[in-house]
Each structure stands twice: as structure tokens, then as C-alpha cells.
Amino acid sequence: MSEPTQPGAPDPAPAPEPASSPAPESASPPPPPSDAPLTAREAADLISAKADTPSAPSGADAAPERPSGETDGRDDPETPPPIEAPRSWTKADKEAFASLPRDTQERILALDRTRELELRRGQNEAAEQRKAAEAMAQQAEQAQAQARWQYEQNLPQQALLLDAEYRKEFGTPTWDDLQDWQRNDPLRYQAWDLAYKRLTHASAELQAQQDRQYQQQQLQQQQFLQNAEAWRAAEAQKFADKFPEWKDPKTYQAKVSEVMDFMKEVGFEQDFLARAATEFLPIQIHDSRFQELAWKALQYDKAIAATKAPSQKPVPPVQRPGSAPNRGEAQEARFRDLTKQLDRTGNLRDAAALLAARMNGRS
């Protein structure tokens, strides 16, 4: 039995539904007018509708209902930052990307990252394959070079063995022997022909190897001479920069002759000096002649340095007229004479004499 309702009242209308929620199976009736009594079912339906969804405010100035998911901007959660396009894209692509929805942008970026990963993986695989191929090619070249080197090393001995076997088997056959073997003993003739071809091939290979070695030696010798000439010119320029007086041809010839005589006195033979002028002979530092040269050069440098060092001249004591000069004045005069002699000649003997006089004067 149904509950009685107010006569003439309109049919109950379904309650407004949120836009995002699906439509309920049964709509709850609107609240009746305030002057009408509520039945128990109407009260239960009204409480259930209020618990499920909030009702819109009544009246003429009530705000329109917004669909679910829309906000007015005041109580929205924090808006996520915009998605930037990859830096490698062009300006037009970046502008087109910015105009797309966020979900479309995320999808495009995911596809772009996948493509980049695939591209890098392909590049890495290609690089690894190229390295592996280069390593295999290098190993093959090394193995081929090793086999060739081993073959060339064994080639002289192999040629000798083939020659010994040939002479042991066939001796030194004449033209008549070969014609006889061809007519009466074809098998021996074929064996001779094969052995002769093997011996000829080995001899040709050996000759070609010797020719290659000779050419390589010639090239090395030529390169060595070119480097030697360049080194000799550079060293001559360094010496001329230190001793400009050697640039004069006449002075050069005279000084070279003097140096040669000095080196002969040290102990170098004429043949050695002649070869050293055109060839590159090794000079050992333990050679007594080299050590003597080094020692005398050191003494010369010391003597030159002593002449350039300022010396304090002692004040001579007052002497009576007619008295002889003291020993200090005589030594200073001797030093001045030797210094002038050394400056004029630049000879090693004059430098040694000056050094000896100074050492005697200090004792």
C-alpha cells in the first residue's frame, strides 16, 4: 500500500547528477514544498541523495552547477609546468609542439626518447662491429706479415735444399739427356721438369728478396745521409753563432788547420780525422783523447772567466825614490801582459800560461 501524497502536486523530478559520474539506476525525488508533510520514504530518499551528492542551492541568484573536474582557478591544485620540446628541434617544430595538448606532448616525447635510444643502440652496435672487424683485419695482416717474414727467413735454406735434392737426383743433365728421357723415360723427364721448375721458382724468389733488401738499405742510407747533412748544417750554424770570427773563409781555414794540429797532439790520427770530416764516427766518452779535450777545454773556460772577473788592485805602498818595485807590482804587470797576449791570440797555450801565473800568484 502506497503512502498518500498531496493532490495536484507535480510528478517528482530526478535530482541533478554530476557530469563526471554515471547516471544512477533510480533518481531520488526532489524535496516537497515546506508546507507539505514528508512521508518516511521521501525522507529516506532525501537523506540518501544528500549523502551521495551535494544539492545545488535554490533561488534565483544560485550559481550554475559546474561539471565535475572543472575549477574556478582559486582552489585548483598546483598546475604542472609546461613540457619543453627537445633542444635539437627547429623553432617551427617547437612552436607546433607547444600548441599540442599535454597528453599528446607526453606521447610524442616518449616516442622521441624511444627513437633516440634505438638510434644510439644502433650506433653503438655499429661501432662495436667496426672495431671487431678492424681488430680481425689487423690480426689477419699481422698473421700474413708473420708468415711472409717466416717464409723469407727460410727461403735461402729452402733454395739450398732444393738445389741439393735436384743435383742428387738428376746431377747436371745435358740437352741429350733430356731428349733421351723425353723419348724413352717420360716419368723421369716429368720428375726432372717439376724439380727444375721448383728450383727455378725458389731461386727467383730468393733473388727478388735480395733485391728488396738492397733497395731498402739504399733508401735507409739515403735518408740517413739527408738527416746527417741537415744535422751538420745546423751544428755549423750554432758554432758560427757562438764564434762569429769563423764565418770569414780565410780565418776558417787557418783555424781549422790549427785545431787539426792540436787534435793530433792530443792523439787523434790523421786517418781518423779525415774520416771524421766526411763520415759519422762514434766517439766514446771513455776515450782518453776525448777526456783530455774536455779537460783542456774546461781549463780554457776557467782562464777566460778569470780574465773577465774584476780584480781588486792593492794600493802600492809609498816607496822612496830609486827603490825597486815590490813583488805584487811585478805579478800584476805579468798578469796584464799575459791577458793582453791571450786577448790578441786566443791560443790555448796563452790561456794555460795565464791560469798557471794566477795560481802561482795565489800560493
Protein backbone atom coordinates (compact mmCIF):
# COMPACT_ATOMS: atom_id res chain seq x y z
CA MET A 1 0.00 0.00 0.00
CA SER A 2 1.45 3.32 -1.11
CA GLU A 3 1.77 6.41 1.04
CA PRO A 4 -0.74 9.25 0.30
CA THR A 5 0.64 12.33 -1.49
CA GLN A 6 -0.64 15.88 -1.85
CA PRO A 7 -3.31 16.19 -4.53
CA GLY A 8 -2.31 18.18 -7.58
CA ALA A 9 1.42 18.02 -6.86
CA PRO A 10 3.70 17.58 -9.89
CA ASP A 11 5.48 14.39 -10.55
CA PRO A 12 8.76 14.19 -8.71
CA ALA A 13 11.76 15.17 -10.90
CA PRO A 14 15.09 13.36 -10.72
CA ALA A 15 17.90 15.07 -8.74
CA PRO A 16 20.69 16.74 -10.75
CA GLU A 17 23.59 14.44 -11.49
CA PRO A 18 27.30 15.34 -11.60
CA ALA A 19 28.74 15.47 -15.11
CA SER A 20 31.57 13.07 -14.36
CA SER A 21 29.54 10.39 -12.53
CA PRO A 22 27.35 7.89 -14.38
CA ALA A 23 23.61 8.20 -14.16
CA PRO A 24 22.14 6.26 -11.17
CA GLU A 25 19.77 3.48 -11.73
CA SER A 26 16.89 5.26 -9.87
CA ALA A 27 16.64 9.01 -9.41
CA SER A 28 15.78 10.33 -5.94
CA PRO A 29 12.71 12.67 -5.77
CA PRO A 30 13.15 16.39 -5.05
CA PRO A 31 12.21 17.69 -1.66
CA PRO A 32 8.49 18.57 -1.42
CA PRO A 33 7.28 22.07 -0.54
CA SER A 34 7.93 23.20 3.01
CA ASP A 35 4.22 23.23 3.89
CA ALA A 36 3.69 19.59 2.77
CA PRO A 37 4.26 16.73 5.23
CA LEU A 38 7.08 14.26 4.40
CA THR A 39 6.46 10.62 4.25
CA ALA A 40 9.03 8.12 5.56
CA ARG A 41 10.14 7.03 2.03
CA GLU A 42 10.54 10.67 0.89
CA ALA A 43 12.68 11.43 3.92
CA ALA A 44 14.85 8.37 3.35
CA ASP A 45 15.28 9.24 -0.33
CA LEU A 46 16.19 12.83 0.54
CA ILE A 47 18.83 11.77 3.10
CA SER A 48 20.30 9.28 0.65
CA ALA A 49 20.54 11.91 -2.13
CA LYS A 50 22.31 14.38 0.19
CA ALA A 51 24.79 11.76 1.30
CA ASP A 52 25.62 10.78 -2.32
CA THR A 53 25.99 14.24 -3.94
CA PRO A 54 25.60 17.83 -2.76
CA SER A 55 22.48 19.58 -3.97
CA ALA A 56 22.61 22.89 -5.83
CA PRO A 57 21.50 25.98 -3.90
CA SER A 58 17.94 27.06 -4.55
CA GLY A 59 16.87 30.53 -5.53
CA ALA A 60 17.21 32.93 -8.38
CA ASP A 61 20.78 34.01 -7.53
CA ALA A 62 22.12 30.48 -7.18
CA ALA A 63 25.39 29.81 -9.07
CA PRO A 64 25.10 27.42 -12.01
CA GLU A 65 26.34 23.94 -11.41
CA ARG A 66 29.88 23.18 -12.88
CA PRO A 67 30.62 19.79 -14.31
CA SER A 68 32.90 17.57 -12.33
CA GLY A 69 36.62 18.25 -12.96
CA GLU A 70 36.24 22.00 -13.70
CA THR A 71 37.53 24.60 -11.23
CA ASP A 72 37.38 28.35 -10.99
CA GLY A 73 41.13 28.77 -10.54
CA ARG A 74 41.05 29.70 -6.85
CA ASP A 75 41.16 26.28 -5.24
CA ASP A 76 42.87 24.35 -8.13
CA PRO A 77 45.86 22.18 -7.27
CA GLU A 78 49.32 23.34 -8.49
CA THR A 79 49.39 23.44 -12.29
CA PRO A 80 52.20 21.22 -13.72
CA PRO A 81 54.97 23.09 -15.57
CA PRO A 82 54.84 23.17 -19.37
CA ILE A 83 56.69 20.48 -21.28
CA GLU A 84 59.65 21.78 -23.24
CA ALA A 85 60.50 20.44 -26.66
CA PRO A 86 63.94 18.88 -27.20
CA ARG A 87 66.67 21.43 -27.90
CA SER A 88 67.64 19.76 -31.16
CA TRP A 89 64.25 20.56 -32.73
CA THR A 90 63.75 23.53 -35.02
CA LYS A 91 61.88 26.65 -33.95
CA ALA A 92 58.85 25.73 -36.07
CA ASP A 93 58.71 22.23 -34.54
CA LYS A 94 58.93 23.69 -31.02
CA GLU A 95 56.07 26.10 -31.70
CA ALA A 96 53.91 23.32 -33.14
CA PHE A 97 54.76 21.15 -30.14
CA ALA A 98 53.73 23.87 -27.68
CA SER A 99 50.27 24.12 -29.27
CA LEU A 100 49.51 20.41 -28.69
CA PRO A 101 47.64 19.01 -25.65
CA ARG A 102 49.74 17.82 -22.76
CA ASP A 103 48.93 14.13 -23.22
CA THR A 104 49.87 14.37 -26.90
CA GLN A 105 53.13 16.10 -25.96
CA GLU A 106 53.99 13.37 -23.47
CA ARG A 107 53.30 10.70 -26.07
CA ILE A 108 55.48 12.48 -28.67
CA LEU A 109 58.34 12.85 -26.19
CA ALA A 110 58.10 9.20 -25.24
CA LEU A 111 58.30 8.20 -28.90
CA ASP A 112 61.21 10.61 -29.44
CA ARG A 113 63.14 9.15 -26.48
CA THR A 114 62.50 5.65 -27.76
CA ARG A 115 63.79 6.66 -31.18
CA GLU A 116 66.92 8.25 -29.64
CA LEU A 117 67.61 5.13 -27.60
CA GLU A 118 67.22 2.91 -30.65
CA LEU A 119 69.46 5.21 -32.70
CA ARG A 120 72.21 5.23 -30.04
CA ARG A 121 71.97 1.49 -29.61
CA GLY A 122 72.35 1.06 -33.36
CA GLN A 123 75.33 3.40 -33.43
CA ASN A 124 76.97 1.56 -30.54
CA GLU A 125 76.42 -1.78 -32.19
CA ALA A 126 77.82 -0.47 -35.47
CA ALA A 127 80.87 0.94 -33.66
CA GLU A 128 81.46 -2.37 -31.87
CA GLN A 129 81.12 -4.28 -35.13
CA ARG A 130 83.53 -1.88 -36.84
CA LYS A 131 86.07 -2.28 -34.04
CA ALA A 132 85.74 -6.05 -34.18
CA ALA A 133 86.20 -6.01 -37.95
CA GLU A 134 89.25 -3.76 -37.67
CA ALA A 135 90.74 -6.00 -35.00
CA MET A 136 90.18 -9.06 -37.17
CA ALA A 137 91.70 -7.31 -40.18
CA GLN A 138 94.70 -6.25 -38.11
CA GLN A 139 95.16 -9.78 -36.82
CA ALA A 140 94.94 -11.10 -40.36
CA GLU A 141 97.54 -8.58 -41.56
CA GLN A 142 99.85 -9.47 -38.67
CA ALA A 143 99.46 -13.17 -39.36
CA GLN A 144 100.14 -12.61 -43.05
CA ALA A 145 103.18 -10.47 -42.28
CA GLN A 146 104.46 -13.08 -39.84
CA ALA A 147 104.00 -15.84 -42.39
CA ARG A 148 105.73 -13.76 -45.05
CA TRP A 149 108.63 -12.98 -42.70
CA GLN A 150 108.97 -16.65 -41.78
CA TYR A 151 108.91 -17.62 -45.44
CA GLU A 152 111.60 -15.07 -46.31
CA GLN A 153 113.74 -16.23 -43.42
CA ASN A 154 113.52 -19.85 -44.57
CA LEU A 155 113.83 -19.04 -48.27
CA PRO A 156 117.67 -19.22 -48.53
CA GLN A 157 117.79 -22.55 -46.72
CA GLN A 158 114.89 -23.88 -48.77
CA ALA A 159 116.62 -22.89 -52.01
CA LEU A 160 119.79 -24.69 -50.90
CA LEU A 161 117.84 -27.84 -50.01
CA LEU A 162 116.04 -27.84 -53.36
CA ASP A 163 119.33 -27.38 -55.20
CA ALA A 164 120.94 -30.27 -53.26
CA GLU A 165 117.98 -32.57 -53.96
CA TYR A 166 117.99 -31.64 -57.64
CA ARG A 167 121.71 -32.36 -58.05
CA LYS A 168 121.43 -35.59 -56.08
CA GLU A 169 118.57 -36.85 -58.19
CA PHE A 170 119.47 -35.56 -61.65
CA GLY A 171 123.05 -34.34 -61.43
CA THR A 172 123.80 -31.93 -64.27
CA PRO A 173 121.81 -33.26 -67.21
CA THR A 174 122.75 -32.26 -70.73
CA TRP A 175 120.46 -31.49 -73.59
CA ASP A 176 120.91 -35.01 -74.95
CA ASP A 177 119.95 -36.49 -71.58
CA LEU A 178 116.77 -34.51 -71.55
CA GLN A 179 115.83 -35.61 -75.08
CA ASP A 180 116.56 -39.22 -74.18
CA TRP A 181 114.40 -39.03 -71.05
CA GLN A 182 111.58 -37.44 -73.01
CA ARG A 183 111.60 -40.25 -75.62
CA ASN A 184 112.49 -43.29 -73.53
CA ASP A 185 111.64 -42.38 -69.88
CA PRO A 186 108.72 -39.91 -69.75
CA LEU A 187 108.26 -40.32 -65.99
CA ARG A 188 111.85 -39.31 -65.26
CA TYR A 189 111.52 -36.39 -67.63
CA GLN A 190 108.36 -35.21 -65.83
CA ALA A 191 110.10 -35.54 -62.44
CA TRP A 192 113.05 -33.55 -63.74
CA ASP A 193 110.76 -30.86 -65.18
CA LEU A 194 108.90 -30.46 -61.86
CA ALA A 195 112.12 -30.34 -59.81
CA TYR A 196 113.68 -27.83 -62.19
CA LYS A 197 110.64 -25.55 -62.03
CA ARG A 198 110.61 -25.68 -58.23
CA LEU A 199 114.29 -24.85 -58.08
CA THR A 200 113.90 -22.02 -60.59
CA HIS A 201 110.97 -20.55 -58.66
CA ALA A 202 112.84 -20.68 -55.35
CA SER A 203 115.90 -19.06 -56.93
CA ALA A 204 113.77 -16.28 -58.40
CA GLU A 205 112.10 -15.66 -55.04
CA LEU A 206 115.48 -15.52 -53.33
CA GLN A 207 116.82 -13.05 -55.89
CA ALA A 208 113.73 -10.85 -55.52
CA GLN A 209 114.15 -10.88 -51.75
CA GLN A 210 117.76 -9.84 -52.03
CA ASP A 211 116.81 -7.04 -54.43
CA ARG A 212 114.16 -5.75 -52.00
CA GLN A 213 116.61 -5.82 -49.12
CA TYR A 214 119.18 -3.94 -51.17
CA GLN A 215 116.66 -1.27 -52.17
CA GLN A 216 115.55 -0.89 -48.58
CA GLN A 217 119.14 -0.47 -47.44
CA GLN A 218 119.72 2.12 -50.14
CA LEU A 219 116.67 4.08 -49.05
CA GLN A 220 117.75 3.94 -45.42
CA GLN A 221 121.24 5.06 -46.32
CA GLN A 222 119.88 7.93 -48.39
CA GLN A 223 117.59 9.02 -45.59
CA PHE A 224 120.46 8.80 -43.12
CA LEU A 225 122.68 10.98 -45.31
CA GLN A 226 119.94 13.57 -45.71
CA ASN A 227 119.40 13.73 -41.96
CA ALA A 228 123.15 13.84 -41.39
CA GLU A 229 123.61 16.76 -43.76
CA ALA A 230 120.78 18.66 -42.11
CA TRP A 231 122.27 17.98 -38.68
CA ARG A 232 125.75 19.02 -39.85
CA ALA A 233 124.43 22.31 -41.25
CA ALA A 234 122.52 23.04 -38.05
CA GLU A 235 125.55 22.35 -35.86
CA ALA A 236 127.78 24.51 -38.08
CA GLN A 237 125.29 27.36 -37.75
CA LYS A 238 125.25 27.01 -33.96
CA PHE A 239 129.06 27.15 -33.86
CA ALA A 240 129.15 30.18 -36.16
CA ASP A 241 126.65 31.98 -33.94
CA LYS A 242 128.89 31.42 -30.91
CA PHE A 243 132.14 32.26 -32.73
CA PRO A 244 131.38 34.80 -35.49
CA GLU A 245 135.06 35.10 -36.48
CA TRP A 246 134.83 31.63 -38.10
CA LYS A 247 132.47 32.98 -40.76
CA ASP A 248 135.43 34.53 -42.63
CA PRO A 249 136.73 31.89 -45.13
CA LYS A 250 140.39 32.80 -44.59
CA THR A 251 140.05 32.74 -40.82
CA TYR A 252 138.11 29.48 -41.08
CA GLN A 253 140.85 27.69 -43.00
CA ALA A 254 143.59 28.91 -40.66
CA LYS A 255 141.71 27.97 -37.51
CA VAL A 256 140.72 24.54 -38.88
CA SER A 257 144.36 23.79 -39.58
CA GLU A 258 145.29 24.90 -36.07
CA VAL A 259 142.57 22.75 -34.50
CA MET A 260 143.68 19.72 -36.53
CA ASP A 261 147.25 20.15 -35.32
CA PHE A 262 146.03 20.40 -31.75
CA MET A 263 143.92 17.22 -32.07
CA LYS A 264 146.92 15.38 -33.49
CA GLU A 265 148.89 16.46 -30.43
CA VAL A 266 146.12 15.01 -28.25
CA GLY A 267 146.42 11.66 -30.03
CA PHE A 268 143.96 11.54 -32.94
CA GLU A 269 145.41 10.02 -36.12
CA GLN A 270 145.27 11.75 -39.49
CA ASP A 271 143.20 8.93 -40.98
CA PHE A 272 140.65 9.20 -38.20
CA LEU A 273 140.38 12.96 -38.61
CA ALA A 274 139.95 12.61 -42.39
CA ARG A 275 137.18 10.05 -41.97
CA ALA A 276 135.52 12.08 -39.21
CA ALA A 277 135.29 15.04 -41.59
CA THR A 278 133.13 13.11 -44.06
CA GLU A 279 131.67 10.24 -42.07
CA PHE A 280 129.85 9.97 -38.76
CA LEU A 281 132.19 8.10 -36.47
CA PRO A 282 131.17 7.30 -32.89
CA ILE A 283 133.22 8.95 -30.15
CA GLN A 284 133.23 7.20 -26.78
CA ILE A 285 133.26 9.40 -23.71
CA HIS A 286 135.73 6.97 -22.06
CA ASP A 287 138.28 7.61 -24.80
CA SER A 288 141.35 9.19 -23.14
CA ARG A 289 141.71 11.60 -26.04
CA PHE A 290 138.15 12.82 -25.60
CA GLN A 291 138.70 13.20 -21.86
CA GLU A 292 141.86 15.23 -22.47
CA LEU A 293 139.99 17.51 -24.84
CA ALA A 294 137.24 18.02 -22.27
CA TRP A 295 139.73 18.78 -19.50
CA LYS A 296 141.71 21.30 -21.54
CA ALA A 297 138.50 22.97 -22.68
CA LEU A 298 137.47 23.31 -19.05
CA GLN A 299 140.81 24.89 -18.14
CA TYR A 300 140.46 27.29 -21.07
CA ASP A 301 136.99 28.38 -19.93
CA LYS A 302 138.31 28.95 -16.42
CA ALA A 303 141.17 31.08 -17.77
CA ILE A 304 138.77 33.16 -19.87
CA ALA A 305 136.47 33.65 -16.89
CA ALA A 306 139.44 34.72 -14.76
CA THR A 307 140.38 37.42 -17.24
CA LYS A 308 136.85 38.80 -17.21
CA ALA A 309 136.47 38.78 -13.40
CA PRO A 310 137.19 42.18 -11.85
CA SER A 311 140.29 42.10 -9.63
CA GLN A 312 140.92 44.48 -6.75
CA LYS A 313 144.27 46.09 -7.23
CA PRO A 314 146.07 46.67 -3.94
CA VAL A 315 147.26 50.17 -3.26
CA PRO A 316 151.06 50.14 -3.66
CA PRO A 317 152.97 51.41 -0.65
CA VAL A 318 154.87 54.65 -0.87
CA GLN A 319 158.41 53.93 -1.90
CA ARG A 320 161.43 56.02 -1.72
CA PRO A 321 162.96 57.33 -4.93
CA GLY A 322 165.32 54.87 -6.51
CA SER A 323 163.90 51.75 -4.76
CA ALA A 324 162.93 48.60 -6.80
CA PRO A 325 159.22 47.64 -7.23
CA ASN A 326 157.85 45.04 -4.85
CA ARG A 327 156.70 41.52 -5.80
CA GLY A 328 152.98 42.39 -6.04
CA GLU A 329 153.53 45.01 -8.70
CA ALA A 330 155.65 42.62 -10.72
CA GLN A 331 152.90 39.97 -10.63
CA GLU A 332 150.24 42.42 -11.69
CA ALA A 333 152.40 43.51 -14.58
CA ARG A 334 152.90 39.88 -15.55
CA PHE A 335 149.14 39.26 -15.43
CA ARG A 336 148.46 42.26 -17.63
CA ASP A 337 150.96 41.12 -20.22
CA LEU A 338 149.57 37.57 -20.31
CA THR A 339 146.00 38.86 -20.54
CA LYS A 340 146.85 41.09 -23.48
CA GLN A 341 148.61 38.17 -25.15
CA LEU A 342 145.57 35.92 -24.68
CA ASP A 343 143.17 38.57 -25.98
CA ARG A 344 145.32 39.03 -29.07
CA THR A 345 145.84 35.35 -29.96
CA GLY A 346 143.08 33.39 -28.21
CA ASN A 347 145.51 30.49 -28.07
CA LEU A 348 145.04 27.69 -25.56
CA ARG A 349 148.70 27.79 -24.55
CA ASP A 350 148.44 31.50 -23.64
CA ALA A 351 145.33 30.77 -21.59
CA ALA A 352 147.13 27.97 -19.73
CA ALA A 353 150.10 30.27 -19.05
CA LEU A 354 147.78 32.94 -17.62
CA LEU A 355 145.99 30.40 -15.47
CA ALA A 356 149.29 29.00 -14.16
CA ALA A 357 150.57 32.51 -13.35
CA ARG A 358 147.40 33.32 -11.39
CA MET A 359 147.57 30.02 -9.49
CA ASN A 360 151.25 30.69 -8.59
CA GLY A 361 150.37 34.19 -7.52
CA ARG A 362 147.74 32.92 -5.05
CA SER A 363 150.11 30.36 -3.49
